[in-house]
Every structure is written in structure tokens, then in C-alpha cells.
Amino acid sequence: MGDQNRPPKKMKQTSKAFISLQLFSGCLLTATGIALFLKPANVFSGGIPGIAIILLNIFGRDYDPYLGVIMFCLQVIFLTIQLIFGGKSRLFKGMTTALIMSSLVQTITWFTLDVTLSENSLLMAIAGSILAGTGIGVVMNSGFNFAGTVGIADMVSQKTGISPGKVIIVFESGILAFGGFVIGLEQVLYSIIGIFLMGRTINYVTGNRNHRS
């Protein structure tokens, strides 16, 4: 009787393959939005990528090729927080996403270091935030989580039932203040637009879900 209720082995393998595809494609979309749009425009919407972009402005442009490395170092800090409050299962998923995301950002940055798609920071902020928000939503739908404000927002969302997009908007406020001090108020305005669009996109892709159980 027990064997009859088990899903076929092939179905399990297909499910794992689909989840892996979701994870990779979501990370690729997010990494592309960060490396090709947000970073060149100095738009710091997006948690750890936003903090990393601000830090690049502090360290100097010699560190531009190492955006992915800086992101990974920041993710380790946030992963520690997730380990304390979210448990080992969230740590494994967060580390997996962190490795894939940082590697993709680093690779895309290396190959597109001198590429500027547009001089219009507003258009870059809009395109990058929608692209990154779509990728984040796809990753969250796969069951994996991000290290950083997104990961913590997803964790808070599970405990409170508040949509992850709304929690992310709250976390971004501190990053905006930091970025405004380092880079300037004009980029803050573009980043606010980016944060709003990213939050709305994440909510749309995830079905405005909450995690109350």
C-alpha cells in the first residue's frame, strides 16, 4: 500500500530538474539586471547588490571587476544571520543561491565591463529593476532563498504573512540613506523608482504570496 502512494521516480527527477532550471534562470535574470543595468547606472536598488554598488563608489573604480566577489562576501554575513534565525535548511539554500548568483554576476561583469547599454539612468533603473525583480521572484517560487535583504525579507514574510515585496521596501530605506550620502540624491531618486518596481515585480511573479502557515 505504501509503495502505491509514492510518486514515480521519474516524476521526482523531473521535479528536481525543473526546480534547478528555475533556480538558475532566476539567478541569471537577476545577475543580468544587476551587472548590465543597475551597476553601470549606479542605481543601488536591490539589497546586497545595492550595498555592493555603493561600496564600489567608496573603494574606487579599480574594484569594478570584482562586483561578484564583493557581493559574495556580503552574502556570507547575511547568511550567518539566516543561520541563527532560519535554521540549517535555509543556510544550505541561501549558500547555493549565493554561489550561483555571485558567480553569474562576476562572469557577466568580466565580459561586459566596458559595455554601457544606455546613458539614461532612469531607463537603466527601470529595466534593471524589473529584470532583477523577475529573477528574484522566480528563485523564490523555486523554493530557494537569497542571502541578504531578500532572504531575510522572505524569512520575515514566512513568520508574519506580510508579502516579501513590502518587507524588502522597508529594508531598502536604510540602503537609500547610505547611498544618498555616498553617491548623491539624483541616484537616490532613480533607486527609489527601482525599489518600487522591483517590489511590485516580485509580488507579481510570486502571486503576492504570503507564507503564513
N, C-alpha and C. Protein backbone atom coordinates (compact mmCIF):
# COMPACT_ATOMS: atom_id res chain seq x y z
N MET A 1 0.83 -1.21 0.00
CA MET A 1 0.00 0.00 0.00
C MET A 1 0.86 1.25 0.00
N GLY A 2 1.95 1.21 0.81
CA GLY A 2 2.80 2.40 0.91
C GLY A 2 3.44 2.75 -0.41
N ASP A 3 3.87 1.72 -1.18
CA ASP A 3 4.53 1.97 -2.45
C ASP A 3 3.59 2.61 -3.47
N GLN A 4 2.29 2.30 -3.34
CA GLN A 4 1.33 2.84 -4.30
C GLN A 4 1.16 4.35 -4.14
N ASN A 5 1.43 4.87 -2.96
CA ASN A 5 1.25 6.30 -2.71
C ASN A 5 2.50 7.13 -3.02
N ARG A 6 3.60 6.45 -3.32
CA ARG A 6 4.82 7.17 -3.62
C ARG A 6 4.81 7.68 -5.05
N PRO A 7 5.28 8.92 -5.29
CA PRO A 7 5.34 9.41 -6.67
C PRO A 7 6.40 8.66 -7.45
N PRO A 8 6.19 8.45 -8.74
CA PRO A 8 7.17 7.73 -9.56
C PRO A 8 8.53 8.40 -9.49
N LYS A 9 9.59 7.58 -9.60
CA LYS A 9 10.96 8.10 -9.51
C LYS A 9 11.23 9.11 -10.61
N LYS A 10 10.72 8.84 -11.82
CA LYS A 10 10.94 9.74 -12.95
C LYS A 10 10.32 11.10 -12.68
N MET A 11 9.14 11.10 -12.01
CA MET A 11 8.47 12.36 -11.70
C MET A 11 9.30 13.18 -10.71
N LYS A 12 9.90 12.49 -9.73
CA LYS A 12 10.76 13.17 -8.77
C LYS A 12 11.95 13.82 -9.46
N GLN A 13 12.57 13.07 -10.39
CA GLN A 13 13.72 13.60 -11.11
C GLN A 13 13.34 14.80 -11.96
N THR A 14 12.17 14.73 -12.61
CA THR A 14 11.68 15.84 -13.42
C THR A 14 11.44 17.06 -12.56
N SER A 15 10.87 16.85 -11.38
CA SER A 15 10.60 17.95 -10.47
C SER A 15 11.90 18.62 -10.03
N LYS A 16 12.92 17.82 -9.69
CA LYS A 16 14.20 18.38 -9.29
C LYS A 16 14.85 19.15 -10.43
N ALA A 17 14.73 18.61 -11.64
CA ALA A 17 15.31 19.28 -12.81
C ALA A 17 14.62 20.62 -13.06
N PHE A 18 13.31 20.66 -12.88
CA PHE A 18 12.55 21.89 -13.08
C PHE A 18 12.93 22.94 -12.04
N ILE A 19 13.08 22.50 -10.79
CA ILE A 19 13.47 23.41 -9.72
C ILE A 19 14.87 23.98 -9.99
N SER A 20 15.77 23.11 -10.44
CA SER A 20 17.13 23.56 -10.77
C SER A 20 17.11 24.57 -11.90
N LEU A 21 16.25 24.32 -12.89
CA LEU A 21 16.12 25.25 -14.01
C LEU A 21 15.57 26.59 -13.55
N GLN A 22 14.56 26.54 -12.67
CA GLN A 22 14.01 27.76 -12.10
C GLN A 22 15.08 28.56 -11.35
N LEU A 23 15.84 27.85 -10.53
CA LEU A 23 16.88 28.49 -9.73
C LEU A 23 17.91 29.17 -10.62
N PHE A 24 18.42 28.45 -11.61
CA PHE A 24 19.47 29.01 -12.47
C PHE A 24 18.94 30.16 -13.32
N SER A 25 17.77 29.98 -13.92
CA SER A 25 17.22 31.04 -14.78
C SER A 25 16.89 32.29 -13.97
N GLY A 26 16.38 32.09 -12.74
CA GLY A 26 16.09 33.24 -11.88
C GLY A 26 17.35 33.99 -11.51
N CYS A 27 18.40 33.25 -11.15
CA CYS A 27 19.69 33.88 -10.82
C CYS A 27 20.27 34.59 -12.03
N LEU A 28 20.12 33.99 -13.20
CA LEU A 28 20.66 34.61 -14.42
C LEU A 28 19.96 35.92 -14.74
N LEU A 29 18.63 35.93 -14.61
CA LEU A 29 17.88 37.16 -14.85
C LEU A 29 18.30 38.25 -13.86
N THR A 30 18.41 37.88 -12.60
CA THR A 30 18.80 38.85 -11.57
C THR A 30 20.21 39.36 -11.80
N ALA A 31 21.14 38.46 -12.09
CA ALA A 31 22.53 38.84 -12.32
C ALA A 31 22.65 39.76 -13.53
N THR A 32 21.88 39.49 -14.57
CA THR A 32 21.91 40.34 -15.76
C THR A 32 21.40 41.74 -15.45
N GLY A 33 20.30 41.81 -14.69
CA GLY A 33 19.77 43.12 -14.30
C GLY A 33 20.76 43.93 -13.49
N ILE A 34 21.49 43.24 -12.60
CA ILE A 34 22.47 43.92 -11.74
C ILE A 34 23.68 44.38 -12.54
N ALA A 35 24.30 43.43 -13.27
CA ALA A 35 25.58 43.71 -13.93
C ALA A 35 25.45 44.60 -15.16
N LEU A 36 24.36 44.45 -15.91
CA LEU A 36 24.23 45.18 -17.16
C LEU A 36 23.44 46.48 -17.04
N PHE A 37 22.63 46.61 -16.00
CA PHE A 37 21.77 47.78 -15.89
C PHE A 37 22.01 48.59 -14.61
N LEU A 38 21.86 47.96 -13.45
CA LEU A 38 21.93 48.71 -12.20
C LEU A 38 23.34 49.22 -11.89
N LYS A 39 24.33 48.36 -12.04
CA LYS A 39 25.71 48.77 -11.74
C LYS A 39 26.19 49.90 -12.65
N PRO A 40 26.06 49.79 -13.98
CA PRO A 40 26.56 50.88 -14.83
C PRO A 40 25.87 52.22 -14.56
N ALA A 41 24.61 52.16 -14.10
CA ALA A 41 23.85 53.40 -13.85
C ALA A 41 24.01 53.88 -12.40
N ASN A 42 24.80 53.16 -11.60
CA ASN A 42 24.96 53.50 -10.18
C ASN A 42 23.62 53.55 -9.45
N VAL A 43 22.74 52.61 -9.79
CA VAL A 43 21.44 52.51 -9.14
C VAL A 43 21.54 51.42 -8.08
N PHE A 44 21.32 51.80 -6.82
CA PHE A 44 21.56 50.87 -5.72
C PHE A 44 20.26 50.35 -5.13
N SER A 45 19.37 49.89 -5.99
CA SER A 45 18.15 49.21 -5.54
C SER A 45 18.40 47.72 -5.60
N GLY A 46 18.20 47.03 -4.47
CA GLY A 46 18.36 45.60 -4.52
C GLY A 46 19.24 44.99 -3.46
N GLY A 47 19.11 45.42 -2.22
CA GLY A 47 19.76 44.73 -1.10
C GLY A 47 21.27 44.66 -1.22
N ILE A 48 21.81 43.44 -1.19
CA ILE A 48 23.26 43.24 -1.25
C ILE A 48 23.87 43.82 -2.53
N PRO A 49 23.26 43.62 -3.72
CA PRO A 49 23.82 44.28 -4.90
C PRO A 49 23.88 45.80 -4.74
N GLY A 50 22.85 46.37 -4.12
CA GLY A 50 22.84 47.81 -3.89
C GLY A 50 23.97 48.24 -2.97
N ILE A 51 24.17 47.49 -1.88
CA ILE A 51 25.27 47.79 -0.95
C ILE A 51 26.61 47.65 -1.67
N ALA A 52 26.74 46.60 -2.49
CA ALA A 52 27.99 46.37 -3.22
C ALA A 52 28.28 47.51 -4.19
N ILE A 53 27.25 48.01 -4.87
CA ILE A 53 27.43 49.12 -5.81
C ILE A 53 27.86 50.38 -5.07
N ILE A 54 27.30 50.61 -3.89
CA ILE A 54 27.70 51.76 -3.07
C ILE A 54 29.16 51.60 -2.63
N LEU A 55 29.54 50.40 -2.22
CA LEU A 55 30.91 50.15 -1.79
C LEU A 55 31.91 50.37 -2.93
N LEU A 56 31.52 50.02 -4.15
CA LEU A 56 32.39 50.26 -5.30
C LEU A 56 32.70 51.75 -5.45
N ASN A 57 31.71 52.58 -5.15
CA ASN A 57 31.93 54.03 -5.23
C ASN A 57 32.86 54.52 -4.11
N ILE A 58 32.91 53.79 -3.01
CA ILE A 58 33.81 54.14 -1.92
C ILE A 58 35.23 53.64 -2.21
N PHE A 59 35.33 52.38 -2.67
CA PHE A 59 36.64 51.77 -2.92
C PHE A 59 37.34 52.36 -4.14
N GLY A 60 36.54 52.77 -5.15
CA GLY A 60 37.12 53.26 -6.39
C GLY A 60 36.87 52.31 -7.54
N ARG A 61 36.96 52.81 -8.76
CA ARG A 61 36.61 52.03 -9.95
C ARG A 61 37.58 50.89 -10.24
N ASP A 62 38.73 50.86 -9.59
CA ASP A 62 39.64 49.74 -9.77
C ASP A 62 39.02 48.43 -9.30
N TYR A 63 38.01 48.54 -8.44
CA TYR A 63 37.37 47.35 -7.89
C TYR A 63 36.12 46.94 -8.68
N ASP A 64 35.81 47.66 -9.76
CA ASP A 64 34.63 47.35 -10.56
C ASP A 64 34.58 45.90 -11.05
N PRO A 65 35.72 45.32 -11.46
CA PRO A 65 35.65 43.93 -11.96
C PRO A 65 35.30 42.91 -10.89
N TYR A 66 35.25 43.33 -9.62
CA TYR A 66 35.07 42.37 -8.53
C TYR A 66 33.71 42.52 -7.85
N LEU A 67 32.73 42.97 -8.60
CA LEU A 67 31.39 43.14 -8.03
C LEU A 67 30.86 41.84 -7.45
N GLY A 68 31.00 40.74 -8.18
CA GLY A 68 30.51 39.44 -7.71
C GLY A 68 31.21 38.99 -6.44
N VAL A 69 32.51 39.25 -6.34
CA VAL A 69 33.28 38.87 -5.15
C VAL A 69 32.80 39.66 -3.93
N ILE A 70 32.60 40.97 -4.12
CA ILE A 70 32.11 41.81 -3.02
C ILE A 70 30.72 41.35 -2.58
N MET A 71 29.88 41.02 -3.54
CA MET A 71 28.54 40.54 -3.22
C MET A 71 28.60 39.26 -2.39
N PHE A 72 29.50 38.35 -2.77
CA PHE A 72 29.58 37.08 -2.05
C PHE A 72 30.04 37.29 -0.60
N CYS A 73 31.00 38.18 -0.40
CA CYS A 73 31.47 38.47 0.96
C CYS A 73 30.33 39.03 1.81
N LEU A 74 29.52 39.90 1.23
CA LEU A 74 28.37 40.45 1.95
C LEU A 74 27.34 39.36 2.24
N GLN A 75 27.17 38.46 1.28
CA GLN A 75 26.19 37.38 1.46
C GLN A 75 26.56 36.46 2.61
N VAL A 76 27.86 36.24 2.81
CA VAL A 76 28.30 35.39 3.92
C VAL A 76 27.84 35.98 5.25
N ILE A 77 27.92 37.31 5.37
CA ILE A 77 27.48 37.98 6.60
C ILE A 77 25.99 37.75 6.81
N PHE A 78 25.21 37.96 5.75
CA PHE A 78 23.76 37.80 5.87
C PHE A 78 23.38 36.33 6.04
N LEU A 79 24.16 35.43 5.46
CA LEU A 79 23.89 34.01 5.65
C LEU A 79 24.04 33.61 7.11
N THR A 80 24.98 34.22 7.78
CA THR A 80 25.17 33.95 9.21
C THR A 80 23.92 34.33 10.00
N ILE A 81 23.33 35.48 9.62
CA ILE A 81 22.09 35.92 10.27
C ILE A 81 20.97 34.92 10.00
N GLN A 82 20.89 34.45 8.74
CA GLN A 82 19.85 33.49 8.39
C GLN A 82 20.07 32.16 9.10
N LEU A 83 21.32 31.79 9.33
CA LEU A 83 21.60 30.56 10.06
C LEU A 83 21.08 30.64 11.49
N ILE A 84 21.27 31.81 12.11
CA ILE A 84 20.85 32.00 13.50
C ILE A 84 19.32 31.94 13.63
N PHE A 85 18.64 32.58 12.68
CA PHE A 85 17.18 32.72 12.82
C PHE A 85 16.38 31.79 11.90
N GLY A 86 17.02 31.26 10.85
CA GLY A 86 16.26 30.48 9.89
C GLY A 86 16.57 29.00 9.87
N GLY A 87 17.64 28.59 10.50
CA GLY A 87 17.95 27.16 10.53
C GLY A 87 18.88 26.74 9.40
N LYS A 88 19.36 25.49 9.49
CA LYS A 88 20.35 24.99 8.55
C LYS A 88 19.80 24.81 7.15
N SER A 89 18.51 24.47 7.03
CA SER A 89 17.94 24.27 5.70
C SER A 89 17.98 25.56 4.90
N ARG A 90 17.70 26.67 5.55
CA ARG A 90 17.75 27.96 4.87
C ARG A 90 19.20 28.35 4.56
N LEU A 91 20.13 27.92 5.41
CA LEU A 91 21.53 28.21 5.16
C LEU A 91 22.00 27.52 3.88
N PHE A 92 21.64 26.25 3.71
CA PHE A 92 22.03 25.50 2.52
C PHE A 92 21.47 26.15 1.26
N LYS A 93 20.18 26.47 1.30
CA LYS A 93 19.57 27.08 0.12
C LYS A 93 20.13 28.47 -0.14
N GLY A 94 20.36 29.22 0.93
CA GLY A 94 20.93 30.56 0.76
C GLY A 94 22.33 30.51 0.19
N MET A 95 23.15 29.55 0.66
CA MET A 95 24.51 29.40 0.16
C MET A 95 24.52 28.99 -1.30
N THR A 96 23.62 28.08 -1.67
CA THR A 96 23.52 27.64 -3.06
C THR A 96 23.20 28.81 -3.97
N THR A 97 22.20 29.60 -3.59
CA THR A 97 21.83 30.76 -4.39
C THR A 97 22.95 31.78 -4.43
N ALA A 98 23.62 31.99 -3.29
CA ALA A 98 24.71 32.97 -3.21
C ALA A 98 25.84 32.60 -4.16
N LEU A 99 26.21 31.33 -4.19
CA LEU A 99 27.29 30.88 -5.07
C LEU A 99 26.94 31.06 -6.53
N ILE A 100 25.72 30.66 -6.90
CA ILE A 100 25.29 30.78 -8.29
C ILE A 100 25.19 32.25 -8.69
N MET A 101 24.54 33.05 -7.85
CA MET A 101 24.33 34.46 -8.16
C MET A 101 25.66 35.21 -8.27
N SER A 102 26.54 35.04 -7.29
CA SER A 102 27.82 35.75 -7.30
C SER A 102 28.66 35.35 -8.50
N SER A 103 28.65 34.06 -8.83
CA SER A 103 29.42 33.58 -9.98
C SER A 103 28.90 34.18 -11.28
N LEU A 104 27.58 34.24 -11.43
CA LEU A 104 26.99 34.81 -12.64
C LEU A 104 27.26 36.30 -12.74
N VAL A 105 27.11 37.02 -11.63
CA VAL A 105 27.39 38.46 -11.63
C VAL A 105 28.85 38.71 -11.99
N GLN A 106 29.75 37.92 -11.39
CA GLN A 106 31.18 38.08 -11.66
C GLN A 106 31.50 37.81 -13.12
N THR A 107 30.92 36.75 -13.67
CA THR A 107 31.16 36.38 -15.07
C THR A 107 30.64 37.46 -16.02
N ILE A 108 29.40 37.88 -15.81
CA ILE A 108 28.81 38.90 -16.68
C ILE A 108 29.59 40.22 -16.57
N THR A 109 30.02 40.57 -15.35
CA THR A 109 30.79 41.79 -15.14
C THR A 109 32.11 41.75 -15.91
N TRP A 110 32.79 40.62 -15.86
CA TRP A 110 34.06 40.49 -16.58
C TRP A 110 33.89 40.71 -18.07
N PHE A 111 32.83 40.13 -18.65
CA PHE A 111 32.65 40.18 -20.10
C PHE A 111 31.99 41.48 -20.58
N THR A 112 31.41 42.25 -19.67
CA THR A 112 30.69 43.47 -20.08
C THR A 112 31.20 44.70 -19.35
N LEU A 113 32.44 44.66 -18.87
CA LEU A 113 32.97 45.74 -18.04
C LEU A 113 32.93 47.09 -18.75
N ASP A 114 33.18 47.10 -20.04
CA ASP A 114 33.21 48.36 -20.80
C ASP A 114 31.93 48.59 -21.61
N VAL A 115 30.90 47.80 -21.32
CA VAL A 115 29.64 47.91 -22.06
C VAL A 115 28.68 48.84 -21.31
N THR A 116 28.14 49.83 -22.02
CA THR A 116 27.10 50.71 -21.46
C THR A 116 25.92 50.70 -22.42
N LEU A 117 24.82 50.11 -21.99
CA LEU A 117 23.66 49.98 -22.86
C LEU A 117 22.94 51.29 -23.09
N SER A 118 22.99 52.18 -22.11
CA SER A 118 22.30 53.48 -22.23
C SER A 118 22.90 54.46 -21.23
N GLU A 119 22.91 55.74 -21.61
CA GLU A 119 23.35 56.79 -20.71
C GLU A 119 22.20 57.32 -19.86
N ASN A 120 21.00 56.83 -20.14
CA ASN A 120 19.81 57.28 -19.42
C ASN A 120 19.65 56.44 -18.15
N SER A 121 20.00 57.03 -17.00
CA SER A 121 19.96 56.30 -15.74
C SER A 121 18.55 55.84 -15.37
N LEU A 122 17.55 56.63 -15.72
CA LEU A 122 16.17 56.26 -15.40
C LEU A 122 15.75 55.00 -16.14
N LEU A 123 16.04 54.94 -17.43
CA LEU A 123 15.70 53.75 -18.21
C LEU A 123 16.46 52.53 -17.70
N MET A 124 17.73 52.74 -17.34
CA MET A 124 18.53 51.64 -16.82
C MET A 124 17.97 51.14 -15.48
N ALA A 125 17.52 52.08 -14.65
CA ALA A 125 16.93 51.71 -13.35
C ALA A 125 15.65 50.91 -13.55
N ILE A 126 14.80 51.35 -14.47
CA ILE A 126 13.54 50.67 -14.74
C ILE A 126 13.78 49.26 -15.27
N ALA A 127 14.61 49.17 -16.32
CA ALA A 127 14.87 47.87 -16.95
C ALA A 127 15.56 46.91 -15.98
N GLY A 128 16.59 47.40 -15.29
CA GLY A 128 17.34 46.54 -14.38
C GLY A 128 16.51 46.05 -13.21
N SER A 129 15.67 46.91 -12.67
CA SER A 129 14.86 46.54 -11.50
C SER A 129 13.78 45.54 -11.87
N ILE A 130 13.16 45.71 -13.02
CA ILE A 130 12.14 44.76 -13.46
C ILE A 130 12.78 43.40 -13.75
N LEU A 131 13.94 43.44 -14.41
CA LEU A 131 14.64 42.18 -14.73
C LEU A 131 15.08 41.47 -13.46
N ALA A 132 15.68 42.21 -12.54
CA ALA A 132 16.14 41.61 -11.28
C ALA A 132 14.96 41.14 -10.44
N GLY A 133 13.89 41.92 -10.38
CA GLY A 133 12.71 41.53 -9.62
C GLY A 133 12.07 40.26 -10.16
N THR A 134 12.05 40.13 -11.48
CA THR A 134 11.51 38.90 -12.09
C THR A 134 12.35 37.70 -11.68
N GLY A 135 13.68 37.86 -11.75
CA GLY A 135 14.57 36.77 -11.37
C GLY A 135 14.43 36.38 -9.92
N ILE A 136 14.32 37.37 -9.04
CA ILE A 136 14.15 37.10 -7.61
C ILE A 136 12.87 36.33 -7.36
N GLY A 137 11.80 36.75 -8.02
CA GLY A 137 10.52 36.06 -7.88
C GLY A 137 10.58 34.62 -8.34
N VAL A 138 11.27 34.38 -9.46
CA VAL A 138 11.41 33.02 -9.98
C VAL A 138 12.19 32.14 -9.00
N VAL A 139 13.26 32.69 -8.43
CA VAL A 139 14.05 31.93 -7.45
C VAL A 139 13.20 31.61 -6.22
N MET A 140 12.45 32.58 -5.73
CA MET A 140 11.61 32.36 -4.56
C MET A 140 10.54 31.32 -4.84
N ASN A 141 10.00 31.31 -6.07
CA ASN A 141 9.00 30.31 -6.44
C ASN A 141 9.60 28.90 -6.50
N SER A 142 10.92 28.83 -6.73
CA SER A 142 11.58 27.52 -6.80
C SER A 142 11.77 26.90 -5.42
N GLY A 143 11.56 27.71 -4.37
CA GLY A 143 11.75 27.22 -3.01
C GLY A 143 13.08 27.60 -2.42
N PHE A 144 13.94 28.21 -3.22
CA PHE A 144 15.23 28.67 -2.72
C PHE A 144 15.11 30.11 -2.26
N ASN A 145 16.10 30.56 -1.48
CA ASN A 145 16.06 31.90 -0.95
C ASN A 145 17.40 32.58 -1.16
N PHE A 146 17.39 33.90 -1.06
CA PHE A 146 18.61 34.69 -1.22
C PHE A 146 19.22 35.02 0.13
N ALA A 147 20.54 35.14 0.13
CA ALA A 147 21.22 35.70 1.29
C ALA A 147 21.18 37.21 1.14
N GLY A 148 20.77 37.89 2.19
CA GLY A 148 20.69 39.34 2.11
C GLY A 148 19.32 39.83 2.52
N THR A 149 19.00 41.04 2.11
CA THR A 149 17.71 41.60 2.50
C THR A 149 16.55 40.79 1.93
N VAL A 150 16.75 40.22 0.73
CA VAL A 150 15.69 39.40 0.15
C VAL A 150 15.49 38.13 0.97
N GLY A 151 16.60 37.48 1.35
CA GLY A 151 16.49 36.28 2.15
C GLY A 151 15.85 36.54 3.50
N ILE A 152 16.26 37.63 4.15
CA ILE A 152 15.69 37.98 5.45
C ILE A 152 14.23 38.40 5.28
N ALA A 153 13.93 39.12 4.18
CA ALA A 153 12.55 39.51 3.92
C ALA A 153 11.66 38.29 3.72
N ASP A 154 12.18 37.29 3.00
CA ASP A 154 11.42 36.06 2.80
C ASP A 154 11.20 35.34 4.12
N MET A 155 12.22 35.37 4.99
CA MET A 155 12.12 34.74 6.31
C MET A 155 11.08 35.46 7.17
N VAL A 156 11.12 36.80 7.16
CA VAL A 156 10.14 37.60 7.91
C VAL A 156 8.74 37.36 7.37
N SER A 157 8.66 37.24 6.02
CA SER A 157 7.36 37.01 5.38
C SER A 157 6.75 35.69 5.85
N GLN A 158 7.58 34.66 5.98
CA GLN A 158 7.08 33.37 6.44
C GLN A 158 6.53 33.44 7.86
N LYS A 159 7.13 34.28 8.69
CA LYS A 159 6.74 34.36 10.09
C LYS A 159 5.57 35.31 10.31
N THR A 160 5.39 36.29 9.42
CA THR A 160 4.38 37.33 9.64
C THR A 160 3.22 37.30 8.65
N GLY A 161 3.45 36.70 7.46
CA GLY A 161 2.41 36.72 6.44
C GLY A 161 2.43 37.97 5.58
N ILE A 162 3.33 38.91 5.87
CA ILE A 162 3.45 40.12 5.04
C ILE A 162 4.14 39.74 3.74
N SER A 163 3.68 40.29 2.62
CA SER A 163 4.27 39.95 1.33
C SER A 163 5.74 40.34 1.31
N PRO A 164 6.60 39.50 0.68
CA PRO A 164 8.04 39.77 0.67
C PRO A 164 8.40 41.10 0.04
N GLY A 165 7.65 41.51 -0.99
CA GLY A 165 7.94 42.79 -1.64
C GLY A 165 7.83 43.97 -0.70
N LYS A 166 6.83 43.94 0.19
CA LYS A 166 6.65 45.04 1.14
C LYS A 166 7.77 45.07 2.17
N VAL A 167 8.20 43.89 2.61
CA VAL A 167 9.28 43.83 3.59
C VAL A 167 10.57 44.35 2.98
N ILE A 168 10.82 44.01 1.72
CA ILE A 168 12.02 44.46 1.03
C ILE A 168 12.05 45.98 0.94
N ILE A 169 10.92 46.59 0.64
CA ILE A 169 10.86 48.05 0.53
C ILE A 169 11.28 48.70 1.84
N VAL A 170 10.87 48.12 2.96
CA VAL A 170 11.26 48.66 4.27
C VAL A 170 12.77 48.57 4.46
N PHE A 171 13.35 47.41 4.14
CA PHE A 171 14.79 47.22 4.31
C PHE A 171 15.60 48.17 3.43
N GLU A 172 15.06 48.48 2.27
CA GLU A 172 15.81 49.30 1.32
C GLU A 172 15.96 50.75 1.79
N SER A 173 15.14 51.19 2.70
CA SER A 173 15.19 52.59 3.14
C SER A 173 16.55 52.96 3.71
N GLY A 174 17.12 52.07 4.52
CA GLY A 174 18.44 52.33 5.09
C GLY A 174 19.52 52.38 4.02
N ILE A 175 19.40 51.50 3.03
CA ILE A 175 20.38 51.48 1.95
C ILE A 175 20.29 52.77 1.14
N LEU A 176 19.08 53.28 0.95
CA LEU A 176 18.90 54.53 0.23
C LEU A 176 19.60 55.69 0.93
N ALA A 177 19.46 55.73 2.24
CA ALA A 177 20.09 56.81 3.01
C ALA A 177 21.61 56.73 2.88
N PHE A 178 22.15 55.53 2.96
CA PHE A 178 23.58 55.31 2.82
C PHE A 178 24.06 55.70 1.43
N GLY A 179 23.33 55.25 0.41
CA GLY A 179 23.69 55.54 -0.97
C GLY A 179 23.58 57.01 -1.31
N GLY A 180 22.58 57.68 -0.75
CA GLY A 180 22.43 59.11 -0.98
C GLY A 180 23.60 59.89 -0.44
N PHE A 181 24.11 59.46 0.70
CA PHE A 181 25.27 60.13 1.32
C PHE A 181 26.53 59.92 0.48
N VAL A 182 26.69 58.70 -0.07
CA VAL A 182 27.92 58.36 -0.79
C VAL A 182 27.88 58.82 -2.24
N ILE A 183 26.76 58.59 -2.93
CA ILE A 183 26.70 58.82 -4.38
C ILE A 183 25.98 60.11 -4.74
N GLY A 184 24.84 60.39 -4.11
CA GLY A 184 24.13 61.62 -4.43
C GLY A 184 22.63 61.42 -4.49
N LEU A 185 21.89 62.54 -4.37
CA LEU A 185 20.44 62.49 -4.29
C LEU A 185 19.78 62.08 -5.60
N GLU A 186 20.38 62.43 -6.73
CA GLU A 186 19.78 62.06 -8.01
C GLU A 186 19.70 60.55 -8.15
N GLN A 187 20.76 59.86 -7.76
CA GLN A 187 20.75 58.40 -7.84
C GLN A 187 19.78 57.79 -6.83
N VAL A 188 19.55 58.51 -5.72
CA VAL A 188 18.55 58.04 -4.76
C VAL A 188 17.17 58.00 -5.40
N LEU A 189 16.85 59.03 -6.17
CA LEU A 189 15.54 59.09 -6.83
C LEU A 189 15.37 57.94 -7.82
N TYR A 190 16.41 57.67 -8.61
CA TYR A 190 16.35 56.54 -9.54
C TYR A 190 16.23 55.22 -8.77
N SER A 191 16.93 55.13 -7.66
CA SER A 191 16.91 53.90 -6.87
C SER A 191 15.55 53.68 -6.21
N ILE A 192 14.89 54.77 -5.80
CA ILE A 192 13.54 54.66 -5.22
C ILE A 192 12.58 54.08 -6.25
N ILE A 193 12.68 54.60 -7.48
CA ILE A 193 11.84 54.06 -8.56
C ILE A 193 12.15 52.59 -8.77
N GLY A 194 13.45 52.25 -8.75
CA GLY A 194 13.85 50.87 -8.94
C GLY A 194 13.34 49.96 -7.84
N ILE A 195 13.42 50.41 -6.60
CA ILE A 195 12.95 49.61 -5.47
C ILE A 195 11.45 49.35 -5.58
N PHE A 196 10.70 50.40 -5.93
CA PHE A 196 9.24 50.25 -6.07
C PHE A 196 8.91 49.22 -7.16
N LEU A 197 9.58 49.36 -8.32
CA LEU A 197 9.31 48.45 -9.43
C LEU A 197 9.74 47.02 -9.09
N MET A 198 10.87 46.89 -8.39
CA MET A 198 11.35 45.57 -8.02
C MET A 198 10.39 44.89 -7.06
N GLY A 199 9.92 45.64 -6.07
CA GLY A 199 8.96 45.08 -5.11
C GLY A 199 7.67 44.66 -5.78
N ARG A 200 7.15 45.51 -6.68
CA ARG A 200 5.92 45.17 -7.39
C ARG A 200 6.12 43.95 -8.29
N THR A 201 7.28 43.89 -8.94
CA THR A 201 7.55 42.76 -9.83
C THR A 201 7.65 41.46 -9.06
N ILE A 202 8.33 41.49 -7.92
CA ILE A 202 8.45 40.30 -7.08
C ILE A 202 7.07 39.83 -6.63
N ASN A 203 6.24 40.76 -6.19
CA ASN A 203 4.88 40.40 -5.76
C ASN A 203 4.08 39.79 -6.90
N TYR A 204 4.26 40.33 -8.11
CA TYR A 204 3.52 39.82 -9.27
C TYR A 204 3.97 38.40 -9.61
N VAL A 205 5.29 38.20 -9.66
CA VAL A 205 5.83 36.89 -10.04
C VAL A 205 5.50 35.83 -9.00
N THR A 206 5.53 36.21 -7.72
CA THR A 206 5.24 35.24 -6.65
C THR A 206 3.74 35.14 -6.36
N GLY A 207 2.92 35.90 -7.09
CA GLY A 207 1.49 35.87 -6.85
C GLY A 207 1.09 36.60 -5.59
N ASN A 208 1.95 37.60 -5.20
CA ASN A 208 1.69 38.37 -3.96
C ASN A 208 1.48 37.45 -2.78
N ARG A 209 2.24 36.35 -2.79
CA ARG A 209 2.02 35.31 -1.78
C ARG A 209 2.47 35.75 -0.41
N ASN A 210 1.88 35.15 0.59
CA ASN A 210 2.47 35.23 1.92
C ASN A 210 2.80 33.82 2.35
N HIS A 211 3.48 33.69 3.47
CA HIS A 211 3.98 32.38 3.87
C HIS A 211 3.39 31.92 5.19
N ARG A 212 2.34 32.57 5.63
CA ARG A 212 1.78 32.16 6.91
C ARG A 212 1.27 30.73 6.82
N SER A 213 1.68 29.93 7.79
CA SER A 213 1.26 28.52 7.77
C SER A 213 0.85 28.10 9.17
